[in-house]
């Protein structure tokens, strides 16, 4: 299939995938070399042991048109706790230090409230 796609895209040669297979078979190239198995990739999801110890923060800049047609900017603050995978989102009108501190305080309060509710 890759050869079929390559011929179609880069050389504008229209040929079916079965046609490509027949040509390769005619020239003795129909089989892949042995030992080309796909290696299984085992991903291990990282996890921290202490909730609230490591939190990932990010700020996304949002732009859209307001009701009057003028561009409006908003800032979406997001945080994810690495131990509990608890997420927090909050949108602010301005991107400044006071809003960042307010968001971190909100995340800390939210994280501890969630931890108190768990048995």
PDB file of N, CA and C in Angstrom:
ATOM      1  N   UNK A   1       0.817  -1.198   0.000  1.00  0.00           N
ATOM      2  CA  UNK A   1       0.000   0.000   0.000  1.00  0.00           C
ATOM      3  C   UNK A   1       0.862   1.264   0.000  1.00  0.00           C
ATOM      4  N   UNK A   2       1.997   1.223   0.681  1.00  0.00           N
ATOM      5  CA  UNK A   2       2.854   2.406   0.718  1.00  0.00           C
ATOM      6  C   UNK A   2       3.424   2.718  -0.659  1.00  0.00           C
ATOM      7  N   UNK A   3       3.802   1.675  -1.371  1.00  0.00           N
ATOM      8  CA  UNK A   3       4.317   1.887  -2.725  1.00  0.00           C
ATOM      9  C   UNK A   3       3.223   2.454  -3.617  1.00  0.00           C
ATOM     10  N   UNK A   4       2.015   1.932  -3.482  1.00  0.00           N
ATOM     11  CA  UNK A   4       0.857   2.415  -4.230  1.00  0.00           C
ATOM     12  C   UNK A   4       0.630   3.902  -3.958  1.00  0.00           C
ATOM     13  N   UNK A   5       0.668   4.293  -2.685  1.00  0.00           N
ATOM     14  CA  UNK A   5       0.470   5.700  -2.317  1.00  0.00           C
ATOM     15  C   UNK A   5       1.613   6.572  -2.831  1.00  0.00           C
ATOM     16  N   UNK A   6       2.842   6.063  -2.743  1.00  0.00           N
ATOM     17  CA  UNK A   6       3.997   6.823  -3.201  1.00  0.00           C
ATOM     18  C   UNK A   6       3.916   7.082  -4.702  1.00  0.00           C
ATOM     19  N   UNK A   7       3.575   6.061  -5.483  1.00  0.00           N
ATOM     20  CA  UNK A   7       3.464   6.231  -6.929  1.00  0.00           C
ATOM     21  C   UNK A   7       2.369   7.221  -7.291  1.00  0.00           C
ATOM     22  N   UNK A   8       1.267   7.147  -6.588  1.00  0.00           N
ATOM     23  CA  UNK A   8       0.154   8.051  -6.881  1.00  0.00           C
ATOM     24  C   UNK A   8       0.496   9.492  -6.501  1.00  0.00           C
ATOM     25  N   UNK A   9       1.160   9.671  -5.376  1.00  0.00           N
ATOM     26  CA  UNK A   9       1.403  11.021  -4.891  1.00  0.00           C
ATOM     27  C   UNK A   9       2.548  11.722  -5.613  1.00  0.00           C
ATOM     28  N   UNK A  10       3.680  11.044  -5.760  1.00  0.00           N
ATOM     29  CA  UNK A  10       4.858  11.719  -6.269  1.00  0.00           C
ATOM     30  C   UNK A  10       5.089  11.542  -7.761  1.00  0.00           C
ATOM     31  N   UNK A  11       4.523  10.492  -8.352  1.00  0.00           N
ATOM     32  CA  UNK A  11       4.763  10.246  -9.770  1.00  0.00           C
ATOM     33  C   UNK A  11       3.474  10.230 -10.597  1.00  0.00           C
ATOM     34  N   UNK A  12       2.360  10.479  -9.967  1.00  0.00           N
ATOM     35  CA  UNK A  12       1.027  10.477 -10.600  1.00  0.00           C
ATOM     36  C   UNK A  12       0.817   9.240 -11.479  1.00  0.00           C
ATOM     37  N   UNK A  13       1.257   8.096 -10.976  1.00  0.00           N
ATOM     38  CA  UNK A  13       1.045   6.825 -11.663  1.00  0.00           C
ATOM     39  C   UNK A  13      -0.155   6.146 -11.015  1.00  0.00           C
ATOM     40  N   UNK A  14      -1.178   5.906 -11.798  1.00  0.00           N
ATOM     41  CA  UNK A  14      -2.384   5.257 -11.276  1.00  0.00           C
ATOM     42  C   UNK A  14      -2.258   3.761 -11.490  1.00  0.00           C
ATOM     43  N   UNK A  15      -2.160   3.049 -10.392  1.00  0.00           N
ATOM     44  CA  UNK A  15      -1.980   1.611 -10.416  1.00  0.00           C
ATOM     45  C   UNK A  15      -2.637   1.065  -9.158  1.00  0.00           C
ATOM     46  N   UNK A  16      -3.299  -0.066  -9.264  1.00  0.00           N
ATOM     47  CA  UNK A  16      -3.957  -0.618  -8.082  1.00  0.00           C
ATOM     48  C   UNK A  16      -2.924  -1.254  -7.162  1.00  0.00           C
ATOM     49  N   UNK A  17      -3.326  -1.453  -5.904  1.00  0.00           N
ATOM     50  CA  UNK A  17      -2.414  -2.097  -4.970  1.00  0.00           C
ATOM     51  C   UNK A  17      -2.148  -3.547  -5.368  1.00  0.00           C
ATOM     52  N   UNK A  18      -3.136  -4.211  -5.981  1.00  0.00           N
ATOM     53  CA  UNK A  18      -2.922  -5.580  -6.471  1.00  0.00           C
ATOM     54  C   UNK A  18      -1.930  -5.579  -7.629  1.00  0.00           C
ATOM     55  N   UNK A  19      -1.960  -4.554  -8.465  1.00  0.00           N
ATOM     56  CA  UNK A  19      -1.016  -4.437  -9.564  1.00  0.00           C
ATOM     57  C   UNK A  19       0.407  -4.265  -9.065  1.00  0.00           C
ATOM     58  N   UNK A  20       0.569  -3.461  -8.036  1.00  0.00           N
ATOM     59  CA  UNK A  20       1.890  -3.276  -7.431  1.00  0.00           C
ATOM     60  C   UNK A  20       2.384  -4.614  -6.893  1.00  0.00           C
ATOM     61  N   UNK A  21       1.505  -5.366  -6.242  1.00  0.00           N
ATOM     62  CA  UNK A  21       1.879  -6.674  -5.687  1.00  0.00           C
ATOM     63  C   UNK A  21       2.309  -7.640  -6.798  1.00  0.00           C
ATOM     64  N   UNK A  22       1.562  -7.663  -7.888  1.00  0.00           N
ATOM     65  CA  UNK A  22       1.900  -8.568  -8.993  1.00  0.00           C
ATOM     66  C   UNK A  22       3.261  -8.228  -9.597  1.00  0.00           C
ATOM     67  N   UNK A  23       3.567  -6.948  -9.755  1.00  0.00           N
ATOM     68  CA  UNK A  23       4.862  -6.537 -10.308  1.00  0.00           C
ATOM     69  C   UNK A  23       5.991  -6.930  -9.365  1.00  0.00           C
ATOM     70  N   UNK A  24       5.795  -6.704  -8.072  1.00  0.00           N
ATOM     71  CA  UNK A  24       6.825  -7.085  -7.105  1.00  0.00           C
ATOM     72  C   UNK A  24       7.028  -8.599  -7.091  1.00  0.00           C
ATOM     73  N   UNK A  25       5.945  -9.355  -7.187  1.00  0.00           N
ATOM     74  CA  UNK A  25       6.022 -10.824  -7.185  1.00  0.00           C
ATOM     75  C   UNK A  25       6.753 -11.316  -8.435  1.00  0.00           C
ATOM     76  N   UNK A  26       6.494 -10.704  -9.577  1.00  0.00           N
ATOM     77  CA  UNK A  26       7.137 -11.083 -10.834  1.00  0.00           C
ATOM     78  C   UNK A  26       8.653 -10.919 -10.758  1.00  0.00           C
ATOM     79  N   UNK A  27       9.106  -9.912 -10.002  1.00  0.00           N
ATOM     80  CA  UNK A  27      10.536  -9.643  -9.880  1.00  0.00           C
ATOM     81  C   UNK A  27      11.152 -10.256  -8.616  1.00  0.00           C
ATOM     82  N   UNK A  28      10.388 -11.104  -7.934  1.00  0.00           N
ATOM     83  CA  UNK A  28      10.916 -11.802  -6.760  1.00  0.00           C
ATOM     84  C   UNK A  28      11.020 -10.962  -5.511  1.00  0.00           C
ATOM     85  N   UNK A  29      10.267  -9.877  -5.436  1.00  0.00           N
ATOM     86  CA  UNK A  29      10.307  -8.981  -4.272  1.00  0.00           C
ATOM     87  C   UNK A  29       8.991  -8.979  -3.509  1.00  0.00           C
ATOM     88  N   UNK A  30       8.262 -10.078  -3.577  1.00  0.00           N
ATOM     89  CA  UNK A  30       6.928 -10.063  -2.995  1.00  0.00           C
ATOM     90  C   UNK A  30       6.941 -10.284  -1.489  1.00  0.00           C
ATOM     91  N   UNK A  31       8.050 -10.752  -0.936  1.00  0.00           N
ATOM     92  CA  UNK A  31       8.086 -11.036   0.488  1.00  0.00           C
ATOM     93  C   UNK A  31       9.026 -10.062   1.192  1.00  0.00           C
ATOM     94  N   UNK A  32       8.640  -9.670   2.366  1.00  0.00           N
ATOM     95  CA  UNK A  32       9.523  -8.849   3.184  1.00  0.00           C
ATOM     96  C   UNK A  32      10.600  -9.733   3.789  1.00  0.00           C
ATOM     97  N   UNK A  33      11.766  -9.175   4.099  1.00  0.00           N
ATOM     98  CA  UNK A  33      12.798  -9.995   4.734  1.00  0.00           C
ATOM     99  C   UNK A  33      12.335 -10.481   6.111  1.00  0.00           C
ATOM    100  N   UNK A  34      12.803 -11.645   6.494  1.00  0.00           N
ATOM    101  CA  UNK A  34      12.404 -12.207   7.785  1.00  0.00           C
ATOM    102  C   UNK A  34      12.934 -11.392   8.948  1.00  0.00           C
ATOM    103  N   UNK A  35      12.269 -11.508  10.061  1.00  0.00           N
ATOM    104  CA  UNK A  35      12.709 -10.808  11.268  1.00  0.00           C
ATOM    105  C   UNK A  35      12.293  -9.363  11.344  1.00  0.00           C
ATOM    106  N   UNK A  36      11.327  -8.956  10.544  1.00  0.00           N
ATOM    107  CA  UNK A  36      10.870  -7.561  10.603  1.00  0.00           C
ATOM    108  C   UNK A  36       9.557  -7.476  11.361  1.00  0.00           C
ATOM    109  N   UNK A  37       9.529  -8.087  12.510  1.00  0.00           N
ATOM    110  CA  UNK A  37       8.311  -8.056  13.324  1.00  0.00           C
ATOM    111  C   UNK A  37       8.169  -6.703  14.006  1.00  0.00           C
ATOM    112  N   UNK A  38       6.963  -6.358  14.276  1.00  0.00           N
ATOM    113  CA  UNK A  38       6.698  -5.101  14.958  1.00  0.00           C
ATOM    114  C   UNK A  38       6.969  -5.303  16.444  1.00  0.00           C
ATOM    115  N   UNK A  39       7.825  -4.473  16.971  1.00  0.00           N
ATOM    116  CA  UNK A  39       8.152  -4.558  18.389  1.00  0.00           C
ATOM    117  C   UNK A  39       7.042  -3.911  19.199  1.00  0.00           C
ATOM    118  N   UNK A  40       6.575  -4.598  20.207  1.00  0.00           N
ATOM    119  CA  UNK A  40       5.533  -4.040  21.050  1.00  0.00           C
ATOM    120  C   UNK A  40       6.141  -3.008  21.983  1.00  0.00           C
ATOM    121  N   UNK A  41       5.518  -1.859  22.034  1.00  0.00           N
ATOM    122  CA  UNK A  41       5.998  -0.793  22.891  1.00  0.00           C
ATOM    123  C   UNK A  41       5.123  -0.775  24.134  1.00  0.00           C
ATOM    124  N   UNK A  42       5.734  -1.004  25.253  1.00  0.00           N
ATOM    125  CA  UNK A  42       5.004  -0.981  26.516  1.00  0.00           C
ATOM    126  C   UNK A  42       5.254   0.361  27.179  1.00  0.00           C
ATOM    127  N   UNK A  43       4.230   1.178  27.216  1.00  0.00           N
ATOM    128  CA  UNK A  43       4.385   2.485  27.833  1.00  0.00           C
ATOM    129  C   UNK A  43       3.971   2.390  29.293  1.00  0.00           C
ATOM    130  N   UNK A  44       4.730   3.008  30.124  1.00  0.00           N
ATOM    131  CA  UNK A  44       4.418   3.033  31.538  1.00  0.00           C
ATOM    132  C   UNK A  44       4.025   4.457  31.898  1.00  0.00           C
ATOM    133  N   UNK A  45       2.810   4.608  32.374  1.00  0.00           N
ATOM    134  CA  UNK A  45       2.312   5.929  32.723  1.00  0.00           C
ATOM    135  C   UNK A  45       2.943   6.355  34.043  1.00  0.00           C
ATOM    136  N   UNK A  46       3.583   7.515  34.002  1.00  0.00           N
ATOM    137  CA  UNK A  46       4.233   7.967  35.216  1.00  0.00           C
ATOM    138  C   UNK A  46       3.190   8.398  36.220  1.00  0.00           C
ATOM    139  N   UNK A  47       3.528   8.235  37.481  1.00  0.00           N
ATOM    140  CA  UNK A  47       2.589   8.613  38.535  1.00  0.00           C
ATOM    141  C   UNK A  47       3.382   8.993  39.769  1.00  0.00           C
ATOM    142  N   UNK A  48       3.025  10.074  40.360  1.00  0.00           N
ATOM    143  CA  UNK A  48       3.654  10.504  41.598  1.00  0.00           C
ATOM    144  C   UNK A  48       2.878   9.924  42.775  1.00  0.00           C
ATOM    145  N   UNK A  49       3.557   9.751  43.888  1.00  0.00           N
ATOM    146  CA  UNK A  49       2.936   9.113  45.047  1.00  0.00           C
ATOM    147  C   UNK A  49       2.188  10.093  45.947  1.00  0.00           C
ATOM    148  N   UNK A  50       2.689  11.314  46.047  1.00  0.00           N
ATOM    149  CA  UNK A  50       2.103  12.284  46.978  1.00  0.00           C
ATOM    150  C   UNK A  50       1.227  13.265  46.206  1.00  0.00           C
ATOM    151  N   UNK A  51      -0.083  13.279  46.490  1.00  0.00           N
ATOM    152  CA  UNK A  51      -0.962  14.235  45.798  1.00  0.00           C
ATOM    153  C   UNK A  51      -0.576  15.675  46.120  1.00  0.00           C
ATOM    154  N   UNK A  52      -0.575  16.506  45.110  1.00  0.00           N
ATOM    155  CA  UNK A  52      -0.240  17.911  45.284  1.00  0.00           C
ATOM    156  C   UNK A  52       1.250  18.192  45.267  1.00  0.00           C
ATOM    157  N   UNK A  53       2.072  17.155  45.215  1.00  0.00           N
ATOM    158  CA  UNK A  53       3.519  17.352  45.222  1.00  0.00           C
ATOM    159  C   UNK A  53       4.011  17.923  43.901  1.00  0.00           C
ATOM    160  N   UNK A  54       3.445  17.431  42.791  1.00  0.00           N
ATOM    161  CA  UNK A  54       3.840  17.954  41.483  1.00  0.00           C
ATOM    162  C   UNK A  54       2.581  18.201  40.665  1.00  0.00           C
ATOM    163  N   UNK A  55       2.403  19.438  40.226  1.00  0.00           N
ATOM    164  CA  UNK A  55       1.227  19.837  39.457  1.00  0.00           C
ATOM    165  C   UNK A  55       1.714  20.513  38.181  1.00  0.00           C
ATOM    166  N   UNK A  56       1.119  20.135  37.067  1.00  0.00           N
ATOM    167  CA  UNK A  56       1.477  20.740  35.783  1.00  0.00           C
ATOM    168  C   UNK A  56       0.518  21.894  35.500  1.00  0.00           C
ATOM    169  N   UNK A  57       1.067  23.059  35.184  1.00  0.00           N
ATOM    170  CA  UNK A  57       0.270  24.242  34.885  1.00  0.00           C
ATOM    171  C   UNK A  57       0.498  24.665  33.453  1.00  0.00           C
ATOM    172  N   UNK A  58      -0.528  25.236  32.868  1.00  0.00           N
ATOM    173  CA  UNK A  58      -0.366  25.836  31.539  1.00  0.00           C
ATOM    174  C   UNK A  58      -1.384  26.952  31.371  1.00  0.00           C
ATOM    175  N   UNK A  59      -1.047  27.889  30.504  1.00  0.00           N
ATOM    176  CA  UNK A  59      -1.936  28.996  30.180  1.00  0.00           C
ATOM    177  C   UNK A  59      -2.159  28.985  28.678  1.00  0.00           C
ATOM    178  N   UNK A  60      -3.419  29.023  28.297  1.00  0.00           N
ATOM    179  CA  UNK A  60      -3.755  29.051  26.876  1.00  0.00           C
ATOM    180  C   UNK A  60      -4.385  30.401  26.568  1.00  0.00           C
ATOM    181  N   UNK A  61      -3.958  30.995  25.470  1.00  0.00           N
ATOM    182  CA  UNK A  61      -4.477  32.296  25.066  1.00  0.00           C
ATOM    183  C   UNK A  61      -5.653  32.074  24.122  1.00  0.00           C
ATOM    184  N   UNK A  62      -6.810  32.606  24.468  1.00  0.00           N
ATOM    185  CA  UNK A  62      -8.014  32.439  23.672  1.00  0.00           C
ATOM    186  C   UNK A  62      -8.359  33.755  22.994  1.00  0.00           C
ATOM    187  N   UNK A  63      -8.663  33.703  21.709  1.00  0.00           N
ATOM    188  CA  UNK A  63      -9.079  34.890  20.943  1.00  0.00           C
ATOM    189  C   UNK A  63     -10.366  34.556  20.210  1.00  0.00           C
ATOM    190  N   UNK A  64     -11.351  35.401  20.355  1.00  0.00           N
ATOM    191  CA  UNK A  64     -12.595  35.233  19.612  1.00  0.00           C
ATOM    192  C   UNK A  64     -13.270  36.586  19.462  1.00  0.00           C
ATOM    193  N   UNK A  65     -14.275  36.645  18.617  1.00  0.00           N
ATOM    194  CA  UNK A  65     -14.989  37.895  18.373  1.00  0.00           C
ATOM    195  C   UNK A  65     -16.088  38.075  19.403  1.00  0.00           C
ATOM    196  N   UNK A  66     -16.192  39.295  19.934  1.00  0.00           N
ATOM    197  CA  UNK A  66     -17.234  39.608  20.898  1.00  0.00           C
ATOM    198  C   UNK A  66     -18.553  39.905  20.202  1.00  0.00           C
ATOM    199  N   UNK A  67     -19.550  40.279  20.980  1.00  0.00           N
ATOM    200  CA  UNK A  67     -20.885  40.573  20.429  1.00  0.00           C
ATOM    201  C   UNK A  67     -20.852  41.777  19.491  1.00  0.00           C
ATOM    202  N   UNK A  68     -19.946  42.714  19.770  1.00  0.00           N
ATOM    203  CA  UNK A  68     -19.854  43.909  18.925  1.00  0.00           C
ATOM    204  C   UNK A  68     -18.882  43.727  17.754  1.00  0.00           C
ATOM    205  N   UNK A  69     -18.307  42.526  17.602  1.00  0.00           N
ATOM    206  CA  UNK A  69     -17.418  42.249  16.485  1.00  0.00           C
ATOM    207  C   UNK A  69     -15.954  42.523  16.763  1.00  0.00           C
ATOM    208  N   UNK A  70     -15.655  43.103  17.917  1.00  0.00           N
ATOM    209  CA  UNK A  70     -14.270  43.381  18.283  1.00  0.00           C
ATOM    210  C   UNK A  70     -13.616  42.112  18.833  1.00  0.00           C
ATOM    211  N   UNK A  71     -12.313  41.963  18.609  1.00  0.00           N
ATOM    212  CA  UNK A  71     -11.642  40.770  19.153  1.00  0.00           C
ATOM    213  C   UNK A  71     -11.573  40.812  20.674  1.00  0.00           C
ATOM    214  N   UNK A  72     -11.814  39.664  21.285  1.00  0.00           N
ATOM    215  CA  UNK A  72     -11.793  39.533  22.743  1.00  0.00           C
ATOM    216  C   UNK A  72     -10.702  38.535  23.103  1.00  0.00           C
ATOM    217  N   UNK A  73      -9.873  38.880  24.097  1.00  0.00           N
ATOM    218  CA  UNK A  73      -8.829  37.978  24.575  1.00  0.00           C
ATOM    219  C   UNK A  73      -9.206  37.463  25.963  1.00  0.00           C
ATOM    220  N   UNK A  74      -9.047  36.168  26.147  1.00  0.00           N
ATOM    221  CA  UNK A  74      -9.242  35.550  27.445  1.00  0.00           C
ATOM    222  C   UNK A  74      -8.071  34.605  27.683  1.00  0.00           C
ATOM    223  N   UNK A  75      -7.834  34.256  28.919  1.00  0.00           N
ATOM    224  CA  UNK A  75      -6.702  33.423  29.280  1.00  0.00           C
ATOM    225  C   UNK A  75      -7.207  32.249  30.111  1.00  0.00           C
ATOM    226  N   UNK A  76      -6.995  31.053  29.597  1.00  0.00           N
ATOM    227  CA  UNK A  76      -7.449  29.834  30.269  1.00  0.00           C
ATOM    228  C   UNK A  76      -6.273  29.233  31.033  1.00  0.00           C
ATOM    229  N   UNK A  77      -6.409  29.200  32.337  1.00  0.00           N
ATOM    230  CA  UNK A  77      -5.406  28.582  33.189  1.00  0.00           C
ATOM    231  C   UNK A  77      -5.848  27.149  33.446  1.00  0.00           C
ATOM    232  N   UNK A  78      -4.919  26.207  33.314  1.00  0.00           N
ATOM    233  CA  UNK A  78      -5.233  24.794  33.526  1.00  0.00           C
ATOM    234  C   UNK A  78      -4.152  24.167  34.392  1.00  0.00           C
ATOM    235  N   UNK A  79      -4.555  23.202  35.210  1.00  0.00           N
ATOM    236  CA  UNK A  79      -3.607  22.488  36.072  1.00  0.00           C
ATOM    237  C   UNK A  79      -4.043  21.037  36.183  1.00  0.00           C
ATOM    238  N   UNK A  80      -3.053  20.131  36.230  1.00  0.00           N
ATOM    239  CA  UNK A  80      -3.312  18.704  36.405  1.00  0.00           C
ATOM    240  C   UNK A  80      -2.365  18.196  37.487  1.00  0.00           C
ATOM    241  N   UNK A  81      -2.945  17.541  38.500  1.00  0.00           N
ATOM    242  CA  UNK A  81      -2.149  16.940  39.558  1.00  0.00           C
ATOM    243  C   UNK A  81      -1.614  15.602  39.063  1.00  0.00           C
ATOM    244  N   UNK A  82      -0.299  15.378  39.186  1.00  0.00           N
ATOM    245  CA  UNK A  82       0.308  14.161  38.649  1.00  0.00           C
ATOM    246  C   UNK A  82      -0.044  12.913  39.445  1.00  0.00           C
ATOM    247  N   UNK A  83      -0.409  13.043  40.689  1.00  0.00           N
ATOM    248  CA  UNK A  83      -0.722  11.864  41.498  1.00  0.00           C
ATOM    249  C   UNK A  83      -2.177  11.438  41.330  1.00  0.00           C
ATOM    250  N   UNK A  84      -3.092  12.382  41.411  1.00  0.00           N
ATOM    251  CA  UNK A  84      -4.522  12.039  41.377  1.00  0.00           C
ATOM    252  C   UNK A  84      -5.161  12.254  40.016  1.00  0.00           C
ATOM    253  N   UNK A  85      -4.463  12.933  39.089  1.00  0.00           N
ATOM    254  CA  UNK A  85      -4.983  13.293  37.770  1.00  0.00           C
ATOM    255  C   UNK A  85      -6.205  14.218  37.868  1.00  0.00           C
ATOM    256  N   UNK A  86      -6.310  14.942  38.963  1.00  0.00           N
ATOM    257  CA  UNK A  86      -7.384  15.925  39.125  1.00  0.00           C
ATOM    258  C   UNK A  86      -7.044  17.131  38.276  1.00  0.00           C
ATOM    259  N   UNK A  87      -8.043  17.631  37.523  1.00  0.00           N
ATOM    260  CA  UNK A  87      -7.830  18.777  36.645  1.00  0.00           C
ATOM    261  C   UNK A  87      -8.616  19.976  37.140  1.00  0.00           C
ATOM    262  N   UNK A  88      -8.058  21.144  36.909  1.00  0.00           N
ATOM    263  CA  UNK A  88      -8.734  22.385  37.267  1.00  0.00           C
ATOM    264  C   UNK A  88      -8.566  23.375  36.122  1.00  0.00           C
ATOM    265  N   UNK A  89      -9.641  24.064  35.793  1.00  0.00           N
ATOM    266  CA  UNK A  89      -9.629  25.081  34.731  1.00  0.00           C
ATOM    267  C   UNK A  89     -10.284  26.346  35.248  1.00  0.00           C
ATOM    268  N   UNK A  90      -9.748  27.468  34.818  1.00  0.00           N
ATOM    269  CA  UNK A  90     -10.348  28.748  35.159  1.00  0.00           C
ATOM    270  C   UNK A  90      -9.970  29.744  34.073  1.00  0.00           C
ATOM    271  N   UNK A  91     -10.898  30.624  33.712  1.00  0.00           N
ATOM    272  CA  UNK A  91     -10.665  31.604  32.651  1.00  0.00           C
ATOM    273  C   UNK A  91     -10.642  32.999  33.266  1.00  0.00           C
ATOM    274  N   UNK A  92      -9.641  33.770  32.868  1.00  0.00           N
ATOM    275  CA  UNK A  92      -9.476  35.131  33.376  1.00  0.00           C
ATOM    276  C   UNK A  92      -9.489  36.123  32.215  1.00  0.00           C
ATOM    277  N   UNK A  93      -9.819  37.369  32.557  1.00  0.00           N
ATOM    278  CA  UNK A  93      -9.809  38.448  31.565  1.00  0.00           C
ATOM    279  C   UNK A  93      -8.394  38.944  31.275  1.00  0.00           C
ATOM    280  N   UNK A  94      -7.530  38.847  32.293  1.00  0.00           N
ATOM    281  CA  UNK A  94      -6.165  39.361  32.140  1.00  0.00           C
ATOM    282  C   UNK A  94      -5.165  38.285  32.520  1.00  0.00           C
ATOM    283  N   UNK A  95      -3.973  38.386  31.957  1.00  0.00           N
ATOM    284  CA  UNK A  95      -2.888  37.451  32.252  1.00  0.00           C
ATOM    285  C   UNK A  95      -1.843  38.213  33.060  1.00  0.00           C
ATOM    286  N   UNK A  96      -1.957  38.117  34.387  1.00  0.00           N
ATOM    287  CA  UNK A  96      -1.016  38.842  35.238  1.00  0.00           C
ATOM    288  C   UNK A  96      -0.679  37.995  36.468  1.00  0.00           C
ATOM    289  N   UNK A  97       0.174  38.520  37.299  1.00  0.00           N
ATOM    290  CA  UNK A  97       0.667  37.777  38.452  1.00  0.00           C
ATOM    291  C   UNK A  97      -0.437  37.525  39.473  1.00  0.00           C
ATOM    292  N   UNK A  98      -1.317  38.482  39.669  1.00  0.00           N
ATOM    293  CA  UNK A  98      -2.395  38.322  40.648  1.00  0.00           C
ATOM    294  C   UNK A  98      -3.331  37.188  40.246  1.00  0.00           C
ATOM    295  N   UNK A  99      -3.657  37.098  38.960  1.00  0.00           N
ATOM    296  CA  UNK A  99      -4.520  36.006  38.499  1.00  0.00           C
ATOM    297  C   UNK A  99      -3.818  34.658  38.617  1.00  0.00           C
ATOM    298  N   UNK A 100      -2.526  34.619  38.360  1.00  0.00           N
ATOM    299  CA  UNK A 100      -1.778  33.368  38.490  1.00  0.00           C
ATOM    300  C   UNK A 100      -1.767  32.895  39.941  1.00  0.00           C
ATOM    301  N   UNK A 101      -1.559  33.807  40.866  1.00  0.00           N
ATOM    302  CA  UNK A 101      -1.564  33.455  42.290  1.00  0.00           C
ATOM    303  C   UNK A 101      -2.951  32.999  42.711  1.00  0.00           C
ATOM    304  N   UNK A 102      -3.986  33.703  42.246  1.00  0.00           N
ATOM    305  CA  UNK A 102      -5.360  33.306  42.562  1.00  0.00           C
ATOM    306  C   UNK A 102      -5.660  31.904  42.042  1.00  0.00           C
ATOM    307  N   UNK A 103      -5.194  31.604  40.842  1.00  0.00           N
ATOM    308  CA  UNK A 103      -5.445  30.282  40.278  1.00  0.00           C
ATOM    309  C   UNK A 103      -4.717  29.198  41.058  1.00  0.00           C
ATOM    310  N   UNK A 104      -3.485  29.440  41.449  1.00  0.00           N
ATOM    311  CA  UNK A 104      -2.733  28.448  42.226  1.00  0.00           C
ATOM    312  C   UNK A 104      -3.403  28.216  43.574  1.00  0.00           C
ATOM    313  N   UNK A 105      -3.878  29.286  44.217  1.00  0.00           N
ATOM    314  CA  UNK A 105      -4.607  29.122  45.480  1.00  0.00           C
ATOM    315  C   UNK A 105      -5.878  28.303  45.275  1.00  0.00           C
ATOM    316  N   UNK A 106      -6.572  28.550  44.166  1.00  0.00           N
ATOM    317  CA  UNK A 106      -7.785  27.785  43.854  1.00  0.00           C
ATOM    318  C   UNK A 106      -7.454  26.312  43.652  1.00  0.00           C
ATOM    319  N   UNK A 107      -6.371  26.024  42.940  1.00  0.00           N
ATOM    320  CA  UNK A 107      -5.971  24.634  42.687  1.00  0.00           C
ATOM    321  C   UNK A 107      -5.599  23.940  43.992  1.00  0.00           C
ATOM    322  N   UNK A 108      -4.852  24.621  44.859  1.00  0.00           N
ATOM    323  CA  UNK A 108      -4.463  24.013  46.139  1.00  0.00           C
ATOM    324  C   UNK A 108      -5.690  23.718  46.983  1.00  0.00           C
ATOM    325  N   UNK A 109      -6.606  24.668  47.084  1.00  0.00           N
ATOM    326  CA  UNK A 109      -7.833  24.444  47.849  1.00  0.00           C
ATOM    327  C   UNK A 109      -8.651  23.304  47.258  1.00  0.00           C
ATOM    328  N   UNK A 110      -8.753  23.282  45.936  1.00  0.00           N
ATOM    329  CA  UNK A 110      -9.527  22.241  45.253  1.00  0.00           C
ATOM    330  C   UNK A 110      -8.908  20.867  45.470  1.00  0.00           C
ATOM    331  N   UNK A 111      -7.579  20.784  45.379  1.00  0.00           N
ATOM    332  CA  UNK A 111      -6.885  19.503  45.557  1.00  0.00           C
ATOM    333  C   UNK A 111      -7.089  18.966  46.964  1.00  0.00           C
ATOM    334  N   UNK A 112      -6.969  19.829  47.970  1.00  0.00           N
ATOM    335  CA  UNK A 112      -7.146  19.364  49.340  1.00  0.00           C
ATOM    336  C   UNK A 112      -8.595  19.016  49.632  1.00  0.00           C
ATOM    337  N   UNK A 113      -9.544  19.717  49.014  1.00  0.00           N
ATOM    338  CA  UNK A 113     -10.952  19.352  49.188  1.00  0.00           C
ATOM    339  C   UNK A 113     -11.236  17.977  48.605  1.00  0.00           C
ATOM    340  N   UNK A 114     -10.656  17.671  47.459  1.00  0.00           N
ATOM    341  CA  UNK A 114     -10.841  16.360  46.832  1.00  0.00           C
ATOM    342  C   UNK A 114     -10.206  15.285  47.694  1.00  0.00           C
ATOM    343  N   UNK A 115      -9.039  15.567  48.257  1.00  0.00           N
ATOM    344  CA  UNK A 115      -8.355  14.564  49.084  1.00  0.00           C
ATOM    345  C   UNK A 115      -9.096  14.301  50.381  1.00  0.00           C
ATOM    346  N   UNK A 116      -9.752  15.330  50.954  1.00  0.00           N
ATOM    347  CA  UNK A 116     -10.511  15.110  52.178  1.00  0.00           C
ATOM    348  C   UNK A 116     -11.714  14.212  51.936  1.00  0.00           C
ATOM    349  N   UNK A 117     -12.314  14.280  50.734  1.00  0.00           N
ATOM    350  CA  UNK A 117     -13.506  13.491  50.428  1.00  0.00           C
ATOM    351  C   UNK A 117     -13.178  12.037  50.150  1.00  0.00           C
ATOM    352  N   UNK A 118     -11.930  11.721  49.812  1.00  0.00           N
ATOM    353  CA  UNK A 118     -11.566  10.345  49.519  1.00  0.00           C
ATOM    354  C   UNK A 118     -11.332   9.569  50.799  1.00  0.00           C
ATOM    355  N   UNK A 119     -11.727   8.288  50.823  1.00  0.00           N
ATOM    356  CA  UNK A 119     -11.523   7.497  52.055  1.00  0.00           C
ATOM    357  C   UNK A 119     -10.081   7.140  52.289  1.00  0.00           C
TER     358      UNK A 119
END
